[in-house]
Amino acid sequence: MFKKYYANKIFEPMCELINLLNKNNFEIWIVTASPEGMYQQFISVEFQIPITHIIGVKSVIRNGIITDDIVIPVPQDHGKKEAIETFVQDVPLLVAGNSRGDKEMIEFSRGLKMIVNPDEHIAHDQTESIADYAKRNDWLIVRIKDVPEPGFPAVSSKEFGIRLNKTRDVRKNPKFQKTNSK
């Protein structure tokens, strides 16, 4: 599935950043709110990082079968910071994310704090968007073209009814032409 539909879909600037960090002997960890089993293998191969450095939602495995028993901490929202504290056991020099759910993890960085294509929407239980929060706190804001190729199959949406992500075409939206951070 990955090779067929997604092999060349990872944002090139993120690939370049991870390759540069690898080249300079940084220890790279990836924290995702998705199940580990979905991503560990291909991310490990794609970025040449140890499979044990890809942290996602962990499930108890019994007799070789993934169960619905979830291992705490769950790397979602504040749980991403807890997952770093639990599994990485160090404070990162650089943390990057792409959503409100990454806020606590990004704030945990002792160095560079980066967010990619932050949402401008203000949720009903918040007073500002994650984009405004990032700007106010001097995070590095990166805008990357996020538009599927025409005819891209959207496997998850078609097969499982998962809604499509919002797309952002930096070429067509002037506010995405530059970063908003200082």
N, C-alpha and C. Protein backbone atom coordinates (compact mmCIF):
# COMPACT_ATOMS: atom_id res chain seq x y z
N MET A 1 0.82 -1.18 0.00
CA MET A 1 0.00 0.00 0.00
C MET A 1 0.87 1.25 0.00
N PHE A 2 1.86 1.29 0.91
CA PHE A 2 2.71 2.47 0.99
C PHE A 2 3.45 2.70 -0.33
N LYS A 3 4.11 1.65 -0.82
CA LYS A 3 4.87 1.80 -2.06
C LYS A 3 3.98 2.18 -3.23
N LYS A 4 2.78 1.62 -3.28
CA LYS A 4 1.88 1.87 -4.39
C LYS A 4 1.33 3.30 -4.39
N TYR A 5 0.89 3.79 -3.21
CA TYR A 5 0.19 5.07 -3.17
C TYR A 5 0.94 6.23 -2.52
N TYR A 6 1.86 5.93 -1.61
CA TYR A 6 2.40 7.01 -0.78
C TYR A 6 3.91 7.19 -0.83
N ALA A 7 4.63 6.34 -1.51
CA ALA A 7 6.10 6.37 -1.47
C ALA A 7 6.68 7.75 -1.76
N ASN A 8 6.12 8.51 -2.66
CA ASN A 8 6.67 9.82 -3.01
C ASN A 8 5.78 10.95 -2.53
N LYS A 9 4.98 10.71 -1.51
CA LYS A 9 4.03 11.72 -1.03
C LYS A 9 4.48 12.44 0.23
N ILE A 10 5.57 12.02 0.85
CA ILE A 10 6.05 12.71 2.04
C ILE A 10 6.61 14.05 1.59
N PHE A 11 6.26 15.12 2.31
CA PHE A 11 6.70 16.46 1.94
C PHE A 11 8.22 16.50 1.79
N GLU A 12 8.67 16.91 0.63
CA GLU A 12 10.11 16.94 0.33
C GLU A 12 10.90 17.78 1.34
N PRO A 13 10.40 18.96 1.75
CA PRO A 13 11.18 19.72 2.75
C PRO A 13 11.34 18.95 4.08
N MET A 14 10.35 18.16 4.47
CA MET A 14 10.48 17.37 5.70
C MET A 14 11.49 16.24 5.50
N CYS A 15 11.47 15.63 4.33
CA CYS A 15 12.47 14.60 4.02
C CYS A 15 13.87 15.19 4.08
N GLU A 16 14.03 16.39 3.50
CA GLU A 16 15.33 17.05 3.51
C GLU A 16 15.78 17.36 4.94
N LEU A 17 14.86 17.85 5.77
CA LEU A 17 15.20 18.16 7.16
C LEU A 17 15.64 16.90 7.91
N ILE A 18 14.87 15.83 7.78
CA ILE A 18 15.23 14.59 8.47
C ILE A 18 16.55 14.04 7.95
N ASN A 19 16.77 14.10 6.64
CA ASN A 19 18.05 13.64 6.09
C ASN A 19 19.22 14.48 6.59
N LEU A 20 19.02 15.80 6.71
CA LEU A 20 20.07 16.68 7.22
C LEU A 20 20.37 16.37 8.69
N LEU A 21 19.32 16.15 9.46
CA LEU A 21 19.52 15.80 10.87
C LEU A 21 20.24 14.46 10.99
N ASN A 22 19.84 13.49 10.19
CA ASN A 22 20.52 12.18 10.18
C ASN A 22 22.00 12.34 9.85
N LYS A 23 22.27 13.11 8.81
CA LYS A 23 23.63 13.33 8.34
C LYS A 23 24.51 13.96 9.42
N ASN A 24 23.88 14.76 10.29
CA ASN A 24 24.61 15.43 11.35
C ASN A 24 24.47 14.73 12.71
N ASN A 25 24.15 13.44 12.64
CA ASN A 25 24.12 12.56 13.82
C ASN A 25 23.12 12.96 14.90
N PHE A 26 22.02 13.57 14.51
CA PHE A 26 20.94 13.81 15.47
C PHE A 26 20.20 12.50 15.69
N GLU A 27 19.75 12.30 16.90
CA GLU A 27 18.90 11.15 17.21
C GLU A 27 17.47 11.58 16.87
N ILE A 28 16.84 10.90 15.94
CA ILE A 28 15.52 11.29 15.45
C ILE A 28 14.46 10.35 16.00
N TRP A 29 13.39 10.97 16.51
CA TRP A 29 12.23 10.23 17.00
C TRP A 29 11.01 10.80 16.30
N ILE A 30 10.09 9.95 15.96
CA ILE A 30 8.82 10.39 15.37
C ILE A 30 7.71 9.96 16.30
N VAL A 31 6.85 10.92 16.65
CA VAL A 31 5.73 10.66 17.54
C VAL A 31 4.45 10.92 16.77
N THR A 32 3.59 9.92 16.71
CA THR A 32 2.34 10.03 15.97
C THR A 32 1.17 9.61 16.84
N ALA A 33 0.01 10.19 16.57
CA ALA A 33 -1.21 9.81 17.30
C ALA A 33 -1.86 8.59 16.65
N SER A 34 -1.26 8.08 15.60
CA SER A 34 -1.79 6.90 14.90
C SER A 34 -1.22 5.63 15.53
N PRO A 35 -1.85 4.50 15.26
CA PRO A 35 -1.32 3.23 15.77
C PRO A 35 0.09 2.97 15.22
N GLU A 36 1.00 2.56 16.09
CA GLU A 36 2.38 2.29 15.67
C GLU A 36 2.45 1.32 14.50
N GLY A 37 1.64 0.29 14.56
CA GLY A 37 1.68 -0.75 13.53
C GLY A 37 1.41 -0.25 12.13
N MET A 38 0.75 0.89 12.01
CA MET A 38 0.46 1.43 10.69
C MET A 38 1.67 2.10 10.05
N TYR A 39 2.57 2.64 10.86
CA TYR A 39 3.63 3.49 10.33
C TYR A 39 5.05 3.03 10.59
N GLN A 40 5.30 2.29 11.65
CA GLN A 40 6.67 2.00 12.04
C GLN A 40 7.53 1.45 10.91
N GLN A 41 7.06 0.44 10.23
CA GLN A 41 7.89 -0.23 9.23
C GLN A 41 8.29 0.70 8.08
N PHE A 42 7.33 1.35 7.45
CA PHE A 42 7.71 2.14 6.28
C PHE A 42 8.41 3.44 6.66
N ILE A 43 8.10 4.03 7.81
CA ILE A 43 8.82 5.24 8.23
C ILE A 43 10.27 4.89 8.56
N SER A 44 10.47 3.77 9.22
CA SER A 44 11.82 3.32 9.55
C SER A 44 12.65 3.15 8.28
N VAL A 45 12.08 2.51 7.29
CA VAL A 45 12.79 2.29 6.03
C VAL A 45 12.98 3.61 5.28
N GLU A 46 11.92 4.38 5.17
CA GLU A 46 11.95 5.64 4.40
C GLU A 46 12.98 6.62 4.95
N PHE A 47 13.06 6.76 6.27
CA PHE A 47 13.95 7.74 6.88
C PHE A 47 15.21 7.14 7.49
N GLN A 48 15.36 5.82 7.39
CA GLN A 48 16.52 5.13 7.91
C GLN A 48 16.77 5.47 9.39
N ILE A 49 15.70 5.32 10.18
CA ILE A 49 15.80 5.49 11.62
C ILE A 49 15.32 4.20 12.27
N PRO A 50 15.78 3.92 13.47
CA PRO A 50 15.37 2.67 14.13
C PRO A 50 13.84 2.60 14.31
N ILE A 51 13.30 1.45 14.10
CA ILE A 51 11.85 1.25 14.24
C ILE A 51 11.39 1.59 15.65
N THR A 52 12.28 1.42 16.62
CA THR A 52 11.95 1.71 18.02
C THR A 52 11.89 3.22 18.29
N HIS A 53 12.28 4.04 17.32
CA HIS A 53 12.21 5.49 17.45
C HIS A 53 10.94 6.07 16.85
N ILE A 54 10.01 5.23 16.51
CA ILE A 54 8.72 5.67 15.99
C ILE A 54 7.67 5.29 17.01
N ILE A 55 7.17 6.31 17.69
CA ILE A 55 6.23 6.10 18.79
C ILE A 55 4.83 6.47 18.31
N GLY A 56 3.92 5.54 18.47
CA GLY A 56 2.51 5.79 18.16
C GLY A 56 1.66 5.18 19.25
N VAL A 57 0.39 5.06 18.96
CA VAL A 57 -0.49 4.42 19.93
C VAL A 57 -0.08 2.95 19.99
N LYS A 58 0.27 2.51 21.18
CA LYS A 58 0.73 1.14 21.39
C LYS A 58 -0.43 0.29 21.89
N SER A 59 -0.55 -0.89 21.34
CA SER A 59 -1.54 -1.86 21.81
C SER A 59 -0.82 -3.07 22.39
N VAL A 60 -1.43 -3.69 23.37
CA VAL A 60 -0.90 -4.93 23.92
C VAL A 60 -1.03 -6.00 22.83
N ILE A 61 0.01 -6.79 22.66
CA ILE A 61 -0.02 -7.88 21.69
C ILE A 61 -0.01 -9.20 22.46
N ARG A 62 -1.00 -10.04 22.19
CA ARG A 62 -1.10 -11.35 22.83
C ARG A 62 -1.11 -12.43 21.76
N ASN A 63 -0.18 -13.37 21.90
CA ASN A 63 -0.09 -14.48 20.94
C ASN A 63 0.02 -13.98 19.50
N GLY A 64 0.77 -12.89 19.32
CA GLY A 64 0.99 -12.36 17.99
C GLY A 64 -0.17 -11.56 17.42
N ILE A 65 -1.20 -11.30 18.23
CA ILE A 65 -2.38 -10.58 17.75
C ILE A 65 -2.50 -9.25 18.49
N ILE A 66 -2.69 -8.17 17.75
CA ILE A 66 -2.88 -6.86 18.34
C ILE A 66 -4.24 -6.82 19.02
N THR A 67 -4.25 -6.42 20.29
CA THR A 67 -5.51 -6.34 21.04
C THR A 67 -5.99 -4.89 21.08
N ASP A 68 -7.15 -4.69 21.66
CA ASP A 68 -7.65 -3.32 21.82
C ASP A 68 -7.26 -2.73 23.18
N ASP A 69 -6.36 -3.41 23.89
CA ASP A 69 -5.82 -2.88 25.14
C ASP A 69 -4.71 -1.88 24.81
N ILE A 70 -4.92 -0.62 25.15
CA ILE A 70 -3.99 0.45 24.81
C ILE A 70 -2.99 0.68 25.95
N VAL A 71 -1.73 0.86 25.57
CA VAL A 71 -0.65 1.13 26.52
C VAL A 71 -0.58 2.64 26.77
N ILE A 72 -0.49 3.01 28.03
CA ILE A 72 -0.40 4.41 28.43
C ILE A 72 1.08 4.80 28.48
N PRO A 73 1.48 6.01 28.13
CA PRO A 73 0.65 7.12 27.69
C PRO A 73 0.25 7.00 26.22
N VAL A 74 -0.91 7.53 25.90
CA VAL A 74 -1.39 7.56 24.52
C VAL A 74 -0.88 8.86 23.89
N PRO A 75 -0.12 8.77 22.80
CA PRO A 75 0.48 9.97 22.22
C PRO A 75 -0.51 10.82 21.41
N GLN A 76 -1.46 11.38 22.12
CA GLN A 76 -2.41 12.32 21.52
C GLN A 76 -2.48 13.53 22.43
N ASP A 77 -2.46 14.72 21.85
CA ASP A 77 -2.47 15.97 22.60
C ASP A 77 -1.37 15.96 23.66
N HIS A 78 -1.69 16.23 24.94
CA HIS A 78 -0.66 16.27 25.98
C HIS A 78 0.05 14.92 26.14
N GLY A 79 -0.57 13.85 25.66
CA GLY A 79 0.04 12.53 25.73
C GLY A 79 1.29 12.40 24.86
N LYS A 80 1.43 13.27 23.85
CA LYS A 80 2.65 13.22 23.04
C LYS A 80 3.86 13.65 23.88
N LYS A 81 3.69 14.68 24.68
CA LYS A 81 4.76 15.10 25.59
C LYS A 81 5.06 13.98 26.59
N GLU A 82 4.02 13.37 27.12
CA GLU A 82 4.21 12.27 28.07
C GLU A 82 4.90 11.08 27.41
N ALA A 83 4.59 10.82 26.15
CA ALA A 83 5.24 9.72 25.42
C ALA A 83 6.73 10.00 25.25
N ILE A 84 7.08 11.26 24.98
CA ILE A 84 8.49 11.63 24.86
C ILE A 84 9.18 11.43 26.21
N GLU A 85 8.56 11.91 27.27
CA GLU A 85 9.15 11.75 28.61
C GLU A 85 9.31 10.28 28.98
N THR A 86 8.34 9.46 28.59
CA THR A 86 8.34 8.04 28.96
C THR A 86 9.28 7.21 28.10
N PHE A 87 9.23 7.38 26.79
CA PHE A 87 9.97 6.50 25.89
C PHE A 87 11.31 7.07 25.42
N VAL A 88 11.39 8.37 25.19
CA VAL A 88 12.64 8.99 24.75
C VAL A 88 13.50 9.32 25.97
N GLN A 89 12.87 9.78 27.01
CA GLN A 89 13.51 10.12 28.29
C GLN A 89 14.57 11.20 28.15
N ASP A 90 14.24 12.21 27.35
CA ASP A 90 15.11 13.37 27.20
C ASP A 90 14.25 14.51 26.67
N VAL A 91 14.74 15.72 26.80
CA VAL A 91 14.04 16.89 26.27
C VAL A 91 14.62 17.19 24.90
N PRO A 92 13.79 17.19 23.85
CA PRO A 92 14.31 17.38 22.49
C PRO A 92 14.86 18.78 22.23
N LEU A 93 15.81 18.85 21.29
CA LEU A 93 16.36 20.12 20.83
C LEU A 93 15.47 20.77 19.78
N LEU A 94 14.75 19.97 19.05
CA LEU A 94 13.88 20.45 17.98
C LEU A 94 12.62 19.60 17.99
N VAL A 95 11.47 20.25 17.96
CA VAL A 95 10.21 19.53 17.83
C VAL A 95 9.39 20.20 16.75
N ALA A 96 8.85 19.39 15.86
CA ALA A 96 7.99 19.90 14.79
C ALA A 96 6.68 19.13 14.81
N GLY A 97 5.62 19.80 14.45
CA GLY A 97 4.31 19.18 14.37
C GLY A 97 3.48 19.89 13.32
N ASN A 98 2.23 19.42 13.17
CA ASN A 98 1.39 20.05 12.16
C ASN A 98 -0.05 20.26 12.61
N SER A 99 -0.30 20.22 13.92
CA SER A 99 -1.69 20.40 14.34
C SER A 99 -1.77 20.88 15.79
N ARG A 100 -2.95 21.26 16.21
CA ARG A 100 -3.20 21.66 17.58
C ARG A 100 -2.84 20.52 18.54
N GLY A 101 -3.01 19.30 18.10
CA GLY A 101 -2.69 18.14 18.92
C GLY A 101 -1.20 17.99 19.21
N ASP A 102 -0.37 18.79 18.53
CA ASP A 102 1.07 18.74 18.74
C ASP A 102 1.57 19.86 19.66
N LYS A 103 0.66 20.72 20.11
CA LYS A 103 1.03 21.92 20.88
C LYS A 103 1.92 21.60 22.08
N GLU A 104 1.48 20.72 22.95
CA GLU A 104 2.23 20.42 24.17
C GLU A 104 3.59 19.79 23.84
N MET A 105 3.62 18.96 22.82
CA MET A 105 4.87 18.33 22.40
C MET A 105 5.83 19.40 21.88
N ILE A 106 5.34 20.30 21.05
CA ILE A 106 6.20 21.36 20.50
C ILE A 106 6.72 22.25 21.62
N GLU A 107 5.85 22.60 22.56
CA GLU A 107 6.27 23.44 23.68
C GLU A 107 7.35 22.78 24.53
N PHE A 108 7.43 21.46 24.50
CA PHE A 108 8.40 20.71 25.30
C PHE A 108 9.83 20.86 24.77
N SER A 109 9.98 21.34 23.53
CA SER A 109 11.32 21.50 22.96
C SER A 109 12.12 22.52 23.75
N ARG A 110 13.40 22.19 23.98
CA ARG A 110 14.28 23.16 24.64
C ARG A 110 14.99 24.03 23.62
N GLY A 111 14.67 23.82 22.35
CA GLY A 111 15.29 24.60 21.28
C GLY A 111 14.25 25.07 20.28
N LEU A 112 14.40 24.64 19.06
CA LEU A 112 13.54 25.08 17.97
C LEU A 112 12.15 24.46 18.08
N LYS A 113 11.15 25.29 17.93
CA LYS A 113 9.74 24.86 17.94
C LYS A 113 9.18 25.19 16.56
N MET A 114 8.71 24.17 15.84
CA MET A 114 8.26 24.37 14.46
C MET A 114 6.89 23.76 14.25
N ILE A 115 6.06 24.47 13.49
CA ILE A 115 4.76 23.93 13.11
C ILE A 115 4.59 24.11 11.60
N VAL A 116 4.06 23.07 10.97
CA VAL A 116 3.86 23.06 9.52
C VAL A 116 2.37 23.24 9.23
N ASN A 117 2.06 24.18 8.36
CA ASN A 117 0.67 24.46 7.95
C ASN A 117 -0.29 24.52 9.13
N PRO A 118 -0.03 25.39 10.11
CA PRO A 118 -0.92 25.45 11.27
C PRO A 118 -2.32 25.93 10.88
N ASP A 119 -3.29 25.37 11.56
CA ASP A 119 -4.69 25.69 11.30
C ASP A 119 -5.00 27.11 11.77
N GLU A 120 -5.75 27.86 10.97
CA GLU A 120 -6.16 29.22 11.31
C GLU A 120 -7.49 29.23 12.07
N HIS A 121 -8.13 28.08 12.16
CA HIS A 121 -9.45 27.96 12.79
C HIS A 121 -9.35 28.09 14.31
N ILE A 122 -10.31 28.79 14.91
CA ILE A 122 -10.37 28.88 16.36
C ILE A 122 -11.44 27.90 16.83
N ALA A 123 -11.00 26.89 17.58
CA ALA A 123 -11.93 25.88 18.09
C ALA A 123 -12.87 26.50 19.12
N HIS A 124 -14.03 25.89 19.31
CA HIS A 124 -15.06 26.43 20.20
C HIS A 124 -14.58 26.57 21.64
N ASP A 125 -13.62 25.79 22.06
CA ASP A 125 -13.14 25.83 23.44
C ASP A 125 -11.82 26.60 23.59
N GLN A 126 -11.44 27.36 22.54
CA GLN A 126 -10.18 28.09 22.58
C GLN A 126 -10.40 29.56 22.22
N THR A 127 -9.40 30.37 22.52
CA THR A 127 -9.52 31.80 22.24
C THR A 127 -8.68 32.24 21.04
N GLU A 128 -7.82 31.34 20.55
CA GLU A 128 -7.01 31.67 19.38
C GLU A 128 -6.68 30.40 18.60
N SER A 129 -6.36 30.57 17.34
CA SER A 129 -5.98 29.43 16.51
C SER A 129 -4.57 28.98 16.88
N ILE A 130 -4.22 27.77 16.47
CA ILE A 130 -2.87 27.28 16.72
C ILE A 130 -1.87 28.12 15.92
N ALA A 131 -2.28 28.63 14.76
CA ALA A 131 -1.40 29.51 13.97
C ALA A 131 -1.09 30.79 14.75
N ASP A 132 -2.12 31.39 15.34
CA ASP A 132 -1.91 32.61 16.14
C ASP A 132 -1.07 32.32 17.38
N TYR A 133 -1.33 31.18 18.02
CA TYR A 133 -0.55 30.79 19.20
C TYR A 133 0.92 30.64 18.83
N ALA A 134 1.18 29.96 17.72
CA ALA A 134 2.56 29.74 17.27
C ALA A 134 3.24 31.08 16.98
N LYS A 135 2.53 31.95 16.32
CA LYS A 135 3.08 33.27 15.98
C LYS A 135 3.40 34.05 17.25
N ARG A 136 2.48 34.06 18.19
CA ARG A 136 2.65 34.80 19.45
C ARG A 136 3.82 34.24 20.27
N ASN A 137 4.10 32.95 20.15
CA ASN A 137 5.16 32.32 20.93
C ASN A 137 6.45 32.11 20.13
N ASP A 138 6.55 32.76 19.00
CA ASP A 138 7.78 32.76 18.17
C ASP A 138 8.20 31.37 17.68
N TRP A 139 7.23 30.52 17.39
CA TRP A 139 7.56 29.25 16.76
C TRP A 139 7.90 29.51 15.30
N LEU A 140 8.70 28.65 14.73
CA LEU A 140 8.94 28.70 13.29
C LEU A 140 7.70 28.16 12.61
N ILE A 141 7.11 28.95 11.72
CA ILE A 141 5.92 28.52 11.00
C ILE A 141 6.32 28.25 9.56
N VAL A 142 6.06 27.04 9.11
CA VAL A 142 6.43 26.62 7.76
C VAL A 142 5.16 26.32 6.97
N ARG A 143 5.09 26.84 5.77
CA ARG A 143 3.95 26.57 4.88
C ARG A 143 4.44 25.70 3.73
N ILE A 144 3.79 24.57 3.56
CA ILE A 144 4.15 23.62 2.52
C ILE A 144 2.91 23.32 1.69
N LYS A 145 3.09 23.22 0.38
CA LYS A 145 1.99 22.85 -0.49
C LYS A 145 1.45 21.49 -0.05
N ASP A 146 0.16 21.44 0.18
CA ASP A 146 -0.50 20.21 0.64
C ASP A 146 -1.74 19.98 -0.21
N VAL A 147 -1.51 19.65 -1.47
CA VAL A 147 -2.61 19.44 -2.40
C VAL A 147 -2.39 18.10 -3.11
N PRO A 148 -3.39 17.21 -3.05
CA PRO A 148 -3.20 15.92 -3.72
C PRO A 148 -3.16 16.08 -5.24
N GLU A 149 -2.43 15.20 -5.86
CA GLU A 149 -2.38 15.21 -7.32
C GLU A 149 -3.76 14.87 -7.86
N PRO A 150 -4.11 15.43 -9.04
CA PRO A 150 -5.41 15.09 -9.64
C PRO A 150 -5.53 13.58 -9.80
N GLY A 151 -6.67 13.04 -9.40
CA GLY A 151 -6.92 11.61 -9.54
C GLY A 151 -6.30 10.76 -8.45
N PHE A 152 -5.66 11.39 -7.44
CA PHE A 152 -5.07 10.61 -6.35
C PHE A 152 -6.19 9.82 -5.69
N PRO A 153 -5.99 8.54 -5.41
CA PRO A 153 -7.11 7.68 -5.03
C PRO A 153 -7.73 7.93 -3.65
N ALA A 154 -7.10 8.66 -2.75
CA ALA A 154 -7.64 8.89 -1.40
C ALA A 154 -8.16 7.57 -0.82
N VAL A 155 -7.26 6.61 -0.72
CA VAL A 155 -7.60 5.26 -0.30
C VAL A 155 -8.37 5.24 1.01
N SER A 156 -7.90 5.96 2.00
CA SER A 156 -8.56 5.94 3.32
C SER A 156 -9.99 6.44 3.23
N SER A 157 -10.20 7.49 2.46
CA SER A 157 -11.55 8.06 2.34
C SER A 157 -12.49 7.10 1.62
N LYS A 158 -12.01 6.54 0.53
CA LYS A 158 -12.87 5.65 -0.26
C LYS A 158 -13.13 4.32 0.45
N GLU A 159 -12.08 3.76 1.03
CA GLU A 159 -12.19 2.44 1.64
C GLU A 159 -12.87 2.47 3.01
N PHE A 160 -12.56 3.53 3.79
CA PHE A 160 -12.99 3.53 5.18
C PHE A 160 -13.87 4.72 5.56
N GLY A 161 -14.19 5.59 4.61
CA GLY A 161 -15.07 6.72 4.89
C GLY A 161 -14.45 7.82 5.73
N ILE A 162 -13.13 7.89 5.76
CA ILE A 162 -12.45 8.94 6.53
C ILE A 162 -12.42 10.19 5.68
N ARG A 163 -12.80 11.33 6.28
CA ARG A 163 -12.88 12.57 5.51
C ARG A 163 -11.51 12.98 5.00
N LEU A 164 -11.50 13.67 3.88
CA LEU A 164 -10.26 14.17 3.31
C LEU A 164 -9.75 15.34 4.13
N ASN A 165 -8.43 15.48 4.22
CA ASN A 165 -7.84 16.63 4.90
C ASN A 165 -8.06 17.89 4.08
N LYS A 166 -8.02 19.04 4.75
CA LYS A 166 -8.05 20.32 4.04
C LYS A 166 -6.77 20.40 3.24
N THR A 167 -6.83 21.03 2.09
CA THR A 167 -5.62 21.21 1.31
C THR A 167 -5.18 22.67 1.38
N ARG A 168 -3.89 22.89 1.22
CA ARG A 168 -3.34 24.23 1.25
C ARG A 168 -2.40 24.35 0.06
N ASP A 169 -2.74 25.25 -0.84
CA ASP A 169 -1.88 25.49 -1.99
C ASP A 169 -1.22 26.84 -1.79
N VAL A 170 0.03 26.84 -1.39
CA VAL A 170 0.74 28.08 -1.09
C VAL A 170 0.84 28.98 -2.31
N ARG A 171 0.76 28.40 -3.49
CA ARG A 171 0.86 29.23 -4.70
C ARG A 171 -0.38 30.07 -4.93
N LYS A 172 -1.53 29.62 -4.43
CA LYS A 172 -2.79 30.31 -4.70
C LYS A 172 -3.27 31.15 -3.52
N ASN A 173 -2.59 31.10 -2.40
CA ASN A 173 -3.04 31.83 -1.22
C ASN A 173 -1.91 32.73 -0.73
N PRO A 174 -2.06 34.05 -0.91
CA PRO A 174 -0.97 34.97 -0.57
C PRO A 174 -0.52 34.89 0.89
N LYS A 175 -1.43 34.57 1.82
CA LYS A 175 -0.99 34.52 3.22
C LYS A 175 -0.08 33.33 3.49
N PHE A 176 -0.02 32.37 2.56
CA PHE A 176 0.87 31.23 2.72
C PHE A 176 2.19 31.44 1.96
N GLN A 177 2.40 32.62 1.40
CA GLN A 177 3.61 32.87 0.62
C GLN A 177 4.84 33.00 1.50
N LYS A 178 4.67 33.37 2.76
CA LYS A 178 5.81 33.53 3.65
C LYS A 178 5.42 33.04 5.03
N THR A 179 6.40 32.83 5.86
CA THR A 179 6.08 32.42 7.22
C THR A 179 5.64 33.64 8.02
N ASN A 180 4.82 33.40 9.02
CA ASN A 180 4.31 34.47 9.85
C ASN A 180 5.18 34.74 11.06
N SER A 181 6.13 33.84 11.33
CA SER A 181 6.94 34.01 12.53
C SER A 181 8.05 35.01 12.29
N LYS A 182 8.67 35.41 13.38
CA LYS A 182 9.77 36.40 13.30
C LYS A 182 11.02 35.76 12.82
